[in-house]
Amino acid sequence: MIYVKNKKPPQQENLGAFTLGERLRTLREERGMTLKEVGNSTGLSFTYLSEIERNSVCPAVDTVRQLADFFQVPVSTLINGQKKTSLPSKLKYMRKLKKISQKELAQRADISPGLIAQLELGKVNASLKTVNKLAEALGVSVCYLIMDTRDIEGIMTGISPELRSMLQDSKVQAVIGSVCTLDEPKLKLILNFINIIKNPLFE
């Protein structure tokens, strides 16, 4: 294969979807926790947790359930989500929401534009290192990009611990409850307002 001079060669990515270990590591790092802290909280050995994250061992179902409970995510997010990923659609959606081209995103994330195109088409799966770069470039969490959010439980997975805590506030719940009674035009207005706050025209 011939490459154009001064161009980066295509980056090699994982051929499979995100593993159980990668998902657990992402959840742990998003919460700013060490393996020892997770081990102390769950009663699991931190060396065993390390082996799970490195995919050196296949944990028992009870262990997976225990970790899912600890991270407050459904078991299906850790196991069933390995079969497919919604990264292509989320990546394309966030890029268009930010109004940036594949080339601009590639520059921000320090990866090749060709890889962005392949990822959006679902022809390759990104490594966790690449997803970290993309999440930082797009201003979203890694969990949002790699976790399956096609159902309500999955959406909760992508919510940060701080926001999850806020959602337990009775006043916040009252506001959310009132949103449920809005008609479609009013709901669209609120969603557009959220987009404006998250993506101002002038930064």
N, C-alpha and C. Protein backbone atom coordinates (compact mmCIF):
# COMPACT_ATOMS: atom_id res chain seq x y z
N MET A 1 0.85 -1.19 0.00
CA MET A 1 0.00 0.00 0.00
C MET A 1 0.88 1.24 0.00
N ILE A 2 0.55 2.26 -0.80
CA ILE A 2 1.35 3.48 -0.89
C ILE A 2 0.66 4.59 -0.13
N TYR A 3 1.43 5.29 0.71
CA TYR A 3 0.90 6.40 1.47
C TYR A 3 1.44 7.71 0.93
N VAL A 4 0.65 8.76 0.97
CA VAL A 4 1.10 10.07 0.55
C VAL A 4 2.06 10.61 1.57
N LYS A 5 3.11 11.24 1.11
CA LYS A 5 4.14 11.76 2.00
C LYS A 5 3.54 12.74 3.02
N ASN A 6 4.06 12.69 4.27
CA ASN A 6 3.66 13.54 5.39
C ASN A 6 2.26 13.21 5.93
N LYS A 7 1.64 12.17 5.39
CA LYS A 7 0.34 11.75 5.92
C LYS A 7 0.54 10.62 6.92
N LYS A 8 -0.27 10.62 7.97
CA LYS A 8 -0.16 9.55 8.96
C LYS A 8 -0.74 8.27 8.37
N PRO A 9 -0.08 7.11 8.59
CA PRO A 9 -0.66 5.85 8.13
C PRO A 9 -1.90 5.52 8.93
N PRO A 10 -2.83 4.75 8.37
CA PRO A 10 -4.06 4.41 9.10
C PRO A 10 -3.73 3.75 10.43
N GLN A 11 -4.48 4.11 11.47
CA GLN A 11 -4.25 3.53 12.78
C GLN A 11 -4.96 2.19 12.90
N GLN A 12 -4.31 1.26 13.58
CA GLN A 12 -4.90 -0.06 13.77
C GLN A 12 -5.84 -0.01 14.96
N GLU A 13 -7.04 -0.49 14.77
CA GLU A 13 -8.03 -0.48 15.83
C GLU A 13 -8.46 -1.90 16.17
N ASN A 14 -9.15 -2.03 17.29
CA ASN A 14 -9.67 -3.34 17.68
C ASN A 14 -10.66 -3.84 16.64
N LEU A 15 -10.64 -5.12 16.36
CA LEU A 15 -11.57 -5.69 15.40
C LEU A 15 -12.89 -6.06 16.07
N GLY A 16 -12.86 -6.27 17.37
CA GLY A 16 -14.08 -6.65 18.07
C GLY A 16 -14.71 -5.47 18.78
N ALA A 17 -15.91 -5.69 19.34
CA ALA A 17 -16.57 -4.63 20.09
C ALA A 17 -15.89 -4.49 21.44
N PHE A 18 -16.31 -3.49 22.22
CA PHE A 18 -15.68 -3.26 23.52
C PHE A 18 -15.92 -4.45 24.45
N THR A 19 -14.89 -4.85 25.13
CA THR A 19 -14.97 -6.02 26.00
C THR A 19 -15.53 -5.64 27.37
N LEU A 20 -15.90 -6.66 28.12
CA LEU A 20 -16.37 -6.46 29.49
C LEU A 20 -15.32 -5.70 30.30
N GLY A 21 -14.07 -6.10 30.15
CA GLY A 21 -12.99 -5.45 30.89
C GLY A 21 -12.85 -3.98 30.55
N GLU A 22 -12.96 -3.64 29.28
CA GLU A 22 -12.85 -2.24 28.86
C GLU A 22 -14.01 -1.41 29.40
N ARG A 23 -15.19 -1.99 29.41
CA ARG A 23 -16.35 -1.27 29.92
C ARG A 23 -16.23 -1.03 31.43
N LEU A 24 -15.76 -2.03 32.15
CA LEU A 24 -15.58 -1.88 33.60
C LEU A 24 -14.51 -0.83 33.91
N ARG A 25 -13.44 -0.87 33.14
CA ARG A 25 -12.37 0.11 33.34
C ARG A 25 -12.88 1.53 33.08
N THR A 26 -13.69 1.68 32.04
CA THR A 26 -14.25 3.00 31.72
C THR A 26 -15.15 3.51 32.83
N LEU A 27 -16.01 2.64 33.34
CA LEU A 27 -16.90 3.02 34.44
C LEU A 27 -16.10 3.43 35.68
N ARG A 28 -15.05 2.67 35.96
CA ARG A 28 -14.21 2.98 37.13
C ARG A 28 -13.50 4.31 36.97
N GLU A 29 -12.90 4.53 35.80
CA GLU A 29 -12.14 5.76 35.57
C GLU A 29 -13.04 6.98 35.50
N GLU A 30 -14.27 6.81 34.97
CA GLU A 30 -15.21 7.93 34.92
C GLU A 30 -15.57 8.38 36.33
N ARG A 31 -15.48 7.47 37.29
CA ARG A 31 -15.79 7.82 38.68
C ARG A 31 -14.55 8.19 39.47
N GLY A 32 -13.41 8.20 38.80
CA GLY A 32 -12.15 8.60 39.44
C GLY A 32 -11.71 7.65 40.53
N MET A 33 -11.97 6.35 40.36
CA MET A 33 -11.65 5.37 41.38
C MET A 33 -10.47 4.49 40.95
N THR A 34 -9.70 4.04 41.93
CA THR A 34 -8.62 3.10 41.68
C THR A 34 -9.15 1.68 41.82
N LEU A 35 -8.37 0.72 41.35
CA LEU A 35 -8.77 -0.68 41.50
C LEU A 35 -8.90 -1.05 42.98
N LYS A 36 -8.02 -0.50 43.81
CA LYS A 36 -8.06 -0.80 45.25
C LYS A 36 -9.36 -0.28 45.87
N GLU A 37 -9.77 0.91 45.46
CA GLU A 37 -11.00 1.49 46.01
C GLU A 37 -12.22 0.66 45.61
N VAL A 38 -12.26 0.21 44.37
CA VAL A 38 -13.37 -0.64 43.93
C VAL A 38 -13.32 -1.96 44.69
N GLY A 39 -12.11 -2.49 44.85
CA GLY A 39 -11.94 -3.74 45.59
C GLY A 39 -12.41 -3.63 47.02
N ASN A 40 -12.05 -2.54 47.69
CA ASN A 40 -12.45 -2.33 49.08
C ASN A 40 -13.96 -2.20 49.22
N SER A 41 -14.59 -1.59 48.20
CA SER A 41 -16.04 -1.37 48.24
C SER A 41 -16.84 -2.62 47.88
N THR A 42 -16.26 -3.47 47.06
CA THR A 42 -17.00 -4.66 46.60
C THR A 42 -16.56 -5.95 47.29
N GLY A 43 -15.40 -5.89 47.96
CA GLY A 43 -14.89 -7.10 48.59
C GLY A 43 -14.12 -8.00 47.63
N LEU A 44 -13.91 -7.50 46.42
CA LEU A 44 -13.15 -8.26 45.42
C LEU A 44 -11.68 -7.86 45.46
N SER A 45 -10.81 -8.79 45.19
CA SER A 45 -9.38 -8.50 45.18
C SER A 45 -9.06 -7.54 44.05
N PHE A 46 -8.23 -6.53 44.33
CA PHE A 46 -7.90 -5.56 43.28
C PHE A 46 -7.06 -6.21 42.18
N THR A 47 -6.32 -7.27 42.52
CA THR A 47 -5.56 -7.97 41.48
C THR A 47 -6.51 -8.74 40.57
N TYR A 48 -7.59 -9.28 41.15
CA TYR A 48 -8.59 -9.98 40.35
C TYR A 48 -9.33 -8.99 39.44
N LEU A 49 -9.65 -7.83 40.00
CA LEU A 49 -10.30 -6.79 39.21
C LEU A 49 -9.41 -6.35 38.04
N SER A 50 -8.12 -6.27 38.32
CA SER A 50 -7.17 -5.90 37.27
C SER A 50 -7.17 -6.94 36.15
N GLU A 51 -7.23 -8.20 36.53
CA GLU A 51 -7.26 -9.29 35.53
C GLU A 51 -8.55 -9.23 34.70
N ILE A 52 -9.66 -8.88 35.35
CA ILE A 52 -10.92 -8.75 34.62
C ILE A 52 -10.82 -7.62 33.60
N GLU A 53 -10.27 -6.48 34.04
CA GLU A 53 -10.15 -5.33 33.15
C GLU A 53 -9.21 -5.62 31.97
N ARG A 54 -8.22 -6.47 32.21
CA ARG A 54 -7.27 -6.82 31.14
C ARG A 54 -7.77 -8.01 30.32
N ASN A 55 -8.98 -8.48 30.66
CA ASN A 55 -9.58 -9.62 29.97
C ASN A 55 -8.74 -10.89 30.08
N SER A 56 -8.01 -11.00 31.20
CA SER A 56 -7.19 -12.19 31.44
C SER A 56 -8.02 -13.32 32.02
N VAL A 57 -9.14 -12.96 32.67
CA VAL A 57 -10.03 -13.97 33.25
C VAL A 57 -11.46 -13.66 32.85
N CYS A 58 -12.30 -14.67 32.91
CA CYS A 58 -13.73 -14.50 32.63
C CYS A 58 -14.47 -14.60 33.97
N PRO A 59 -14.98 -13.49 34.49
CA PRO A 59 -15.60 -13.52 35.81
C PRO A 59 -16.92 -14.29 35.83
N ALA A 60 -17.26 -14.80 37.01
CA ALA A 60 -18.52 -15.51 37.19
C ALA A 60 -19.68 -14.53 37.04
N VAL A 61 -20.85 -15.06 36.74
CA VAL A 61 -22.04 -14.22 36.56
C VAL A 61 -22.32 -13.40 37.82
N ASP A 62 -22.15 -14.04 39.00
CA ASP A 62 -22.39 -13.33 40.26
C ASP A 62 -21.45 -12.14 40.42
N THR A 63 -20.22 -12.31 39.95
CA THR A 63 -19.24 -11.21 40.04
C THR A 63 -19.64 -10.06 39.13
N VAL A 64 -20.08 -10.40 37.92
CA VAL A 64 -20.53 -9.37 36.97
C VAL A 64 -21.73 -8.63 37.55
N ARG A 65 -22.65 -9.38 38.15
CA ARG A 65 -23.83 -8.77 38.75
C ARG A 65 -23.43 -7.85 39.91
N GLN A 66 -22.46 -8.30 40.70
CA GLN A 66 -21.98 -7.50 41.83
C GLN A 66 -21.37 -6.19 41.34
N LEU A 67 -20.58 -6.25 40.28
CA LEU A 67 -19.94 -5.05 39.74
C LEU A 67 -20.97 -4.13 39.09
N ALA A 68 -21.97 -4.73 38.43
CA ALA A 68 -23.04 -3.92 37.82
C ALA A 68 -23.81 -3.16 38.90
N ASP A 69 -24.10 -3.83 40.02
CA ASP A 69 -24.79 -3.19 41.14
C ASP A 69 -23.95 -2.06 41.72
N PHE A 70 -22.65 -2.32 41.85
CA PHE A 70 -21.76 -1.31 42.42
C PHE A 70 -21.72 -0.05 41.55
N PHE A 71 -21.61 -0.24 40.23
CA PHE A 71 -21.53 0.90 39.31
C PHE A 71 -22.91 1.43 38.91
N GLN A 72 -23.97 0.79 39.45
CA GLN A 72 -25.34 1.21 39.20
C GLN A 72 -25.68 1.21 37.71
N VAL A 73 -25.34 0.11 37.05
CA VAL A 73 -25.69 -0.08 35.64
C VAL A 73 -26.33 -1.46 35.49
N PRO A 74 -27.16 -1.66 34.49
CA PRO A 74 -27.74 -2.99 34.28
C PRO A 74 -26.68 -3.99 33.82
N VAL A 75 -26.84 -5.24 34.19
CA VAL A 75 -25.90 -6.29 33.78
C VAL A 75 -25.81 -6.35 32.26
N SER A 76 -26.94 -6.13 31.59
CA SER A 76 -26.96 -6.19 30.13
C SER A 76 -26.01 -5.18 29.49
N THR A 77 -25.78 -4.06 30.19
CA THR A 77 -24.87 -3.05 29.67
C THR A 77 -23.45 -3.58 29.60
N LEU A 78 -23.10 -4.43 30.55
CA LEU A 78 -21.74 -4.98 30.59
C LEU A 78 -21.57 -6.18 29.67
N ILE A 79 -22.62 -6.98 29.53
CA ILE A 79 -22.49 -8.23 28.77
C ILE A 79 -23.08 -8.12 27.38
N ASN A 80 -24.39 -7.87 27.28
CA ASN A 80 -25.04 -7.84 25.97
C ASN A 80 -24.49 -6.75 25.07
N GLY A 81 -24.04 -5.65 25.70
CA GLY A 81 -23.53 -4.54 24.90
C GLY A 81 -22.27 -4.87 24.14
N GLN A 82 -21.62 -6.01 24.48
CA GLN A 82 -20.39 -6.38 23.79
C GLN A 82 -20.67 -6.82 22.34
N LYS A 83 -21.91 -7.22 22.05
CA LYS A 83 -22.21 -7.74 20.72
C LYS A 83 -22.24 -6.65 19.66
N LYS A 84 -22.63 -5.44 20.05
CA LYS A 84 -22.68 -4.35 19.08
C LYS A 84 -22.49 -3.03 19.82
N THR A 85 -22.13 -2.01 19.09
CA THR A 85 -21.89 -0.71 19.70
C THR A 85 -22.62 0.36 18.92
N SER A 86 -23.09 1.38 19.63
CA SER A 86 -23.78 2.49 18.97
C SER A 86 -22.83 3.64 18.73
N LEU A 87 -21.53 3.38 18.83
CA LEU A 87 -20.53 4.43 18.63
C LEU A 87 -20.67 5.14 17.29
N PRO A 88 -20.84 4.42 16.16
CA PRO A 88 -20.92 5.12 14.86
C PRO A 88 -21.99 6.22 14.83
N SER A 89 -23.20 5.88 15.27
CA SER A 89 -24.29 6.88 15.22
C SER A 89 -24.06 8.01 16.22
N LYS A 90 -23.54 7.69 17.41
CA LYS A 90 -23.30 8.72 18.41
C LYS A 90 -22.18 9.66 17.97
N LEU A 91 -21.14 9.10 17.39
CA LEU A 91 -20.01 9.89 16.92
C LEU A 91 -20.45 10.87 15.83
N LYS A 92 -21.22 10.37 14.88
CA LYS A 92 -21.70 11.21 13.78
C LYS A 92 -22.66 12.28 14.31
N TYR A 93 -23.54 11.90 15.24
CA TYR A 93 -24.51 12.83 15.81
C TYR A 93 -23.80 13.97 16.54
N MET A 94 -22.84 13.63 17.42
CA MET A 94 -22.14 14.65 18.20
C MET A 94 -21.29 15.55 17.31
N ARG A 95 -20.68 14.98 16.27
CA ARG A 95 -19.86 15.78 15.36
C ARG A 95 -20.73 16.80 14.63
N LYS A 96 -21.89 16.38 14.16
CA LYS A 96 -22.78 17.30 13.44
C LYS A 96 -23.38 18.33 14.39
N LEU A 97 -23.63 17.90 15.64
CA LEU A 97 -24.16 18.82 16.64
C LEU A 97 -23.16 19.94 16.92
N LYS A 98 -21.88 19.58 16.92
CA LYS A 98 -20.81 20.56 17.15
C LYS A 98 -20.47 21.34 15.89
N LYS A 99 -21.09 20.92 14.75
CA LYS A 99 -20.85 21.57 13.46
C LYS A 99 -19.37 21.55 13.06
N ILE A 100 -18.77 20.38 13.18
CA ILE A 100 -17.38 20.23 12.75
C ILE A 100 -17.27 19.09 11.74
N SER A 101 -16.32 19.19 10.85
CA SER A 101 -16.11 18.17 9.82
C SER A 101 -15.32 17.00 10.41
N GLN A 102 -15.27 15.92 9.65
CA GLN A 102 -14.48 14.77 10.07
C GLN A 102 -13.01 15.17 10.22
N LYS A 103 -12.55 16.02 9.32
CA LYS A 103 -11.15 16.46 9.35
C LYS A 103 -10.88 17.27 10.62
N GLU A 104 -11.81 18.17 10.98
CA GLU A 104 -11.63 18.99 12.19
C GLU A 104 -11.63 18.12 13.44
N LEU A 105 -12.54 17.15 13.49
CA LEU A 105 -12.58 16.25 14.64
C LEU A 105 -11.30 15.44 14.73
N ALA A 106 -10.80 15.00 13.58
CA ALA A 106 -9.56 14.23 13.55
C ALA A 106 -8.40 15.05 14.10
N GLN A 107 -8.36 16.33 13.75
CA GLN A 107 -7.29 17.21 14.24
C GLN A 107 -7.39 17.40 15.75
N ARG A 108 -8.62 17.60 16.24
CA ARG A 108 -8.82 17.79 17.68
C ARG A 108 -8.44 16.55 18.47
N ALA A 109 -8.75 15.38 17.92
CA ALA A 109 -8.50 14.12 18.61
C ALA A 109 -7.13 13.53 18.28
N ASP A 110 -6.41 14.16 17.35
CA ASP A 110 -5.08 13.71 16.93
C ASP A 110 -5.12 12.29 16.37
N ILE A 111 -6.10 12.05 15.49
CA ILE A 111 -6.18 10.79 14.76
C ILE A 111 -6.46 11.10 13.29
N SER A 112 -6.39 10.12 12.43
CA SER A 112 -6.53 10.38 11.00
C SER A 112 -8.00 10.57 10.61
N PRO A 113 -8.27 11.46 9.62
CA PRO A 113 -9.64 11.67 9.14
C PRO A 113 -10.23 10.38 8.57
N GLY A 114 -9.38 9.55 7.97
CA GLY A 114 -9.84 8.28 7.42
C GLY A 114 -10.42 7.38 8.49
N LEU A 115 -9.81 7.41 9.67
CA LEU A 115 -10.30 6.58 10.78
C LEU A 115 -11.67 7.08 11.25
N ILE A 116 -11.85 8.40 11.29
CA ILE A 116 -13.16 8.96 11.68
C ILE A 116 -14.24 8.46 10.72
N ALA A 117 -13.94 8.52 9.43
CA ALA A 117 -14.90 8.08 8.42
C ALA A 117 -15.24 6.60 8.60
N GLN A 118 -14.21 5.79 8.83
CA GLN A 118 -14.43 4.34 9.01
C GLN A 118 -15.25 4.05 10.27
N LEU A 119 -14.99 4.82 11.34
CA LEU A 119 -15.72 4.63 12.59
C LEU A 119 -17.19 5.00 12.42
N GLU A 120 -17.46 6.11 11.74
CA GLU A 120 -18.84 6.54 11.53
C GLU A 120 -19.62 5.59 10.64
N LEU A 121 -18.92 4.90 9.76
CA LEU A 121 -19.57 3.93 8.89
C LEU A 121 -19.71 2.56 9.57
N GLY A 122 -19.06 2.42 10.73
CA GLY A 122 -19.12 1.16 11.46
C GLY A 122 -18.25 0.08 10.85
N LYS A 123 -17.26 0.48 10.04
CA LYS A 123 -16.40 -0.51 9.39
C LYS A 123 -15.29 -1.01 10.31
N VAL A 124 -14.94 -0.21 11.31
CA VAL A 124 -13.95 -0.63 12.31
C VAL A 124 -14.48 -0.21 13.68
N ASN A 125 -13.96 -0.84 14.72
CA ASN A 125 -14.29 -0.46 16.09
C ASN A 125 -13.09 0.23 16.71
N ALA A 126 -13.32 1.32 17.41
CA ALA A 126 -12.24 2.08 18.01
C ALA A 126 -11.67 1.39 19.24
N SER A 127 -10.38 1.60 19.46
CA SER A 127 -9.77 1.14 20.70
C SER A 127 -10.22 2.09 21.80
N LEU A 128 -10.07 1.67 23.05
CA LEU A 128 -10.48 2.52 24.17
C LEU A 128 -9.65 3.81 24.20
N LYS A 129 -8.39 3.72 23.78
CA LYS A 129 -7.52 4.90 23.73
C LYS A 129 -8.09 5.93 22.74
N THR A 130 -8.54 5.46 21.59
CA THR A 130 -9.12 6.35 20.59
C THR A 130 -10.42 6.95 21.07
N VAL A 131 -11.25 6.15 21.74
CA VAL A 131 -12.52 6.65 22.26
C VAL A 131 -12.27 7.75 23.29
N ASN A 132 -11.25 7.58 24.11
CA ASN A 132 -10.90 8.61 25.08
C ASN A 132 -10.58 9.93 24.39
N LYS A 133 -9.83 9.84 23.30
CA LYS A 133 -9.46 11.05 22.54
C LYS A 133 -10.70 11.69 21.93
N LEU A 134 -11.59 10.87 21.37
CA LEU A 134 -12.80 11.38 20.74
C LEU A 134 -13.73 12.02 21.77
N ALA A 135 -13.86 11.38 22.92
CA ALA A 135 -14.72 11.92 23.98
C ALA A 135 -14.22 13.28 24.43
N GLU A 136 -12.92 13.41 24.60
CA GLU A 136 -12.33 14.68 25.02
C GLU A 136 -12.53 15.75 23.94
N ALA A 137 -12.34 15.37 22.69
CA ALA A 137 -12.49 16.31 21.58
C ALA A 137 -13.94 16.79 21.42
N LEU A 138 -14.90 15.91 21.73
CA LEU A 138 -16.31 16.24 21.57
C LEU A 138 -16.94 16.80 22.85
N GLY A 139 -16.21 16.71 23.96
CA GLY A 139 -16.73 17.21 25.23
C GLY A 139 -17.83 16.35 25.82
N VAL A 140 -17.73 15.03 25.61
CA VAL A 140 -18.70 14.10 26.19
C VAL A 140 -17.96 13.05 27.01
N SER A 141 -18.71 12.24 27.76
CA SER A 141 -18.07 11.19 28.55
C SER A 141 -17.78 9.97 27.68
N VAL A 142 -16.78 9.22 28.08
CA VAL A 142 -16.45 7.98 27.38
C VAL A 142 -17.63 7.02 27.48
N CYS A 143 -18.26 6.99 28.64
CA CYS A 143 -19.42 6.11 28.85
C CYS A 143 -20.51 6.39 27.83
N TYR A 144 -20.74 7.66 27.54
CA TYR A 144 -21.79 8.01 26.58
C TYR A 144 -21.49 7.40 25.22
N LEU A 145 -20.23 7.42 24.82
CA LEU A 145 -19.87 6.93 23.49
C LEU A 145 -19.91 5.41 23.38
N ILE A 146 -19.49 4.69 24.42
CA ILE A 146 -19.37 3.24 24.26
C ILE A 146 -20.51 2.43 24.86
N MET A 147 -21.28 3.01 25.77
CA MET A 147 -22.38 2.26 26.37
C MET A 147 -23.63 2.34 25.50
N ASP A 148 -24.42 1.27 25.51
CA ASP A 148 -25.62 1.22 24.71
C ASP A 148 -26.71 2.05 25.39
N THR A 149 -27.16 3.12 24.73
CA THR A 149 -28.17 3.99 25.34
C THR A 149 -29.47 3.96 24.56
N ARG A 150 -29.81 2.79 24.01
CA ARG A 150 -31.05 2.69 23.24
C ARG A 150 -32.26 2.41 24.11
N ASP A 151 -32.04 2.16 25.41
CA ASP A 151 -33.17 2.01 26.30
C ASP A 151 -32.93 2.88 27.54
N ILE A 152 -33.94 2.99 28.43
CA ILE A 152 -33.83 3.88 29.58
C ILE A 152 -32.68 3.48 30.49
N GLU A 153 -32.52 2.18 30.74
CA GLU A 153 -31.42 1.73 31.60
C GLU A 153 -30.09 2.13 31.01
N GLY A 154 -29.97 1.98 29.69
CA GLY A 154 -28.72 2.32 29.03
C GLY A 154 -28.42 3.80 29.11
N ILE A 155 -29.47 4.63 29.02
CA ILE A 155 -29.28 6.08 29.12
C ILE A 155 -28.71 6.43 30.49
N MET A 156 -29.20 5.77 31.53
CA MET A 156 -28.71 6.03 32.88
C MET A 156 -27.22 5.72 33.01
N THR A 157 -26.74 4.79 32.22
CA THR A 157 -25.32 4.42 32.26
C THR A 157 -24.43 5.59 31.88
N GLY A 158 -24.89 6.38 30.91
CA GLY A 158 -24.07 7.48 30.42
C GLY A 158 -24.12 8.72 31.30
N ILE A 159 -24.96 8.70 32.35
CA ILE A 159 -25.08 9.86 33.24
C ILE A 159 -23.96 9.86 34.26
N SER A 160 -23.36 11.03 34.47
CA SER A 160 -22.25 11.14 35.41
C SER A 160 -22.75 10.91 36.83
N PRO A 161 -21.85 10.50 37.75
CA PRO A 161 -22.25 10.28 39.15
C PRO A 161 -22.86 11.53 39.78
N GLU A 162 -22.34 12.72 39.42
CA GLU A 162 -22.85 13.98 39.98
C GLU A 162 -24.30 14.20 39.57
N LEU A 163 -24.57 14.00 38.25
CA LEU A 163 -25.94 14.19 37.76
C LEU A 163 -26.86 13.12 38.32
N ARG A 164 -26.35 11.91 38.45
CA ARG A 164 -27.15 10.81 39.01
C ARG A 164 -27.60 11.17 40.43
N SER A 165 -26.69 11.79 41.18
CA SER A 165 -27.00 12.21 42.54
C SER A 165 -28.05 13.32 42.54
N MET A 166 -27.93 14.26 41.59
CA MET A 166 -28.90 15.35 41.48
C MET A 166 -30.30 14.83 41.19
N LEU A 167 -30.38 13.77 40.39
CA LEU A 167 -31.67 13.22 39.99
C LEU A 167 -32.45 12.64 41.17
N GLN A 168 -31.75 12.42 42.29
CA GLN A 168 -32.42 11.90 43.48
C GLN A 168 -33.07 13.01 44.30
N ASP A 169 -32.77 14.27 43.93
CA ASP A 169 -33.35 15.42 44.62
C ASP A 169 -34.84 15.53 44.26
N SER A 170 -35.70 15.71 45.25
CA SER A 170 -37.15 15.75 45.02
C SER A 170 -37.55 16.93 44.12
N LYS A 171 -36.84 18.06 44.23
CA LYS A 171 -37.16 19.22 43.40
C LYS A 171 -36.84 18.94 41.94
N VAL A 172 -35.70 18.27 41.71
CA VAL A 172 -35.31 17.92 40.34
C VAL A 172 -36.32 16.93 39.76
N GLN A 173 -36.73 15.97 40.57
CA GLN A 173 -37.71 14.98 40.12
C GLN A 173 -39.04 15.63 39.78
N ALA A 174 -39.41 16.69 40.53
CA ALA A 174 -40.66 17.40 40.26
C ALA A 174 -40.59 18.09 38.89
N VAL A 175 -39.43 18.67 38.58
CA VAL A 175 -39.26 19.34 37.28
C VAL A 175 -39.35 18.31 36.16
N ILE A 176 -38.67 17.16 36.35
CA ILE A 176 -38.71 16.11 35.34
C ILE A 176 -40.14 15.60 35.15
N GLY A 177 -40.86 15.49 36.26
CA GLY A 177 -42.25 15.04 36.20
C GLY A 177 -43.11 15.99 35.37
N SER A 178 -42.85 17.30 35.50
CA SER A 178 -43.64 18.27 34.74
C SER A 178 -43.32 18.21 33.25
N VAL A 179 -42.09 17.81 32.91
CA VAL A 179 -41.68 17.67 31.51
C VAL A 179 -42.52 16.59 30.84
N CYS A 180 -42.87 15.56 31.59
CA CYS A 180 -43.63 14.42 31.05
C CYS A 180 -45.01 14.83 30.53
N THR A 181 -45.52 15.96 31.01
CA THR A 181 -46.86 16.38 30.61
C THR A 181 -46.84 17.37 29.44
N LEU A 182 -45.65 17.73 28.95
CA LEU A 182 -45.55 18.70 27.86
C LEU A 182 -45.94 18.08 26.53
N ASP A 183 -46.48 18.90 25.63
CA ASP A 183 -46.77 18.41 24.28
C ASP A 183 -45.48 18.46 23.46
N GLU A 184 -45.51 17.90 22.27
CA GLU A 184 -44.30 17.76 21.45
C GLU A 184 -43.62 19.09 21.12
N PRO A 185 -44.34 20.15 20.71
CA PRO A 185 -43.68 21.42 20.39
C PRO A 185 -42.93 22.01 21.58
N LYS A 186 -43.54 21.95 22.77
CA LYS A 186 -42.88 22.50 23.97
C LYS A 186 -41.66 21.68 24.35
N LEU A 187 -41.77 20.35 24.19
CA LEU A 187 -40.64 19.49 24.51
C LEU A 187 -39.48 19.76 23.56
N LYS A 188 -39.79 19.96 22.28
CA LYS A 188 -38.74 20.27 21.30
C LYS A 188 -38.07 21.59 21.63
N LEU A 189 -38.85 22.56 22.11
CA LEU A 189 -38.31 23.86 22.50
C LEU A 189 -37.29 23.70 23.63
N ILE A 190 -37.63 22.86 24.62
CA ILE A 190 -36.73 22.62 25.75
C ILE A 190 -35.45 21.92 25.28
N LEU A 191 -35.60 20.92 24.41
CA LEU A 191 -34.44 20.20 23.89
C LEU A 191 -33.53 21.11 23.08
N ASN A 192 -34.13 22.01 22.30
CA ASN A 192 -33.32 22.98 21.54
C ASN A 192 -32.59 23.93 22.48
N PHE A 193 -33.24 24.31 23.56
CA PHE A 193 -32.62 25.19 24.55
C PHE A 193 -31.40 24.51 25.20
N ILE A 194 -31.56 23.20 25.49
CA ILE A 194 -30.45 22.43 26.07
C ILE A 194 -29.28 22.39 25.09
N ASN A 195 -29.58 22.18 23.82
CA ASN A 195 -28.52 22.17 22.80
C ASN A 195 -27.79 23.49 22.71
N ILE A 196 -28.53 24.60 22.85
CA ILE A 196 -27.92 25.92 22.81
C ILE A 196 -26.96 26.11 23.99
N ILE A 197 -27.41 25.65 25.16
CA ILE A 197 -26.56 25.77 26.37
C ILE A 197 -25.30 24.91 26.22
N LYS A 198 -25.47 23.68 25.71
CA LYS A 198 -24.34 22.77 25.57
C LYS A 198 -23.42 23.17 24.42
N ASN A 199 -23.99 23.81 23.39
CA ASN A 199 -23.20 24.14 22.20
C ASN A 199 -23.45 25.58 21.77
N PRO A 200 -22.96 26.56 22.56
CA PRO A 200 -23.19 27.95 22.20
C PRO A 200 -22.53 28.30 20.87
N LEU A 201 -23.13 29.24 20.16
CA LEU A 201 -22.57 29.64 18.87
C LEU A 201 -21.23 30.33 19.02
N PHE A 202 -21.08 31.08 20.11
CA PHE A 202 -19.82 31.80 20.34
C PHE A 202 -19.22 31.35 21.66
N GLU A 203 -18.07 30.71 21.57
CA GLU A 203 -17.43 30.20 22.78
C GLU A 203 -16.23 31.09 23.13
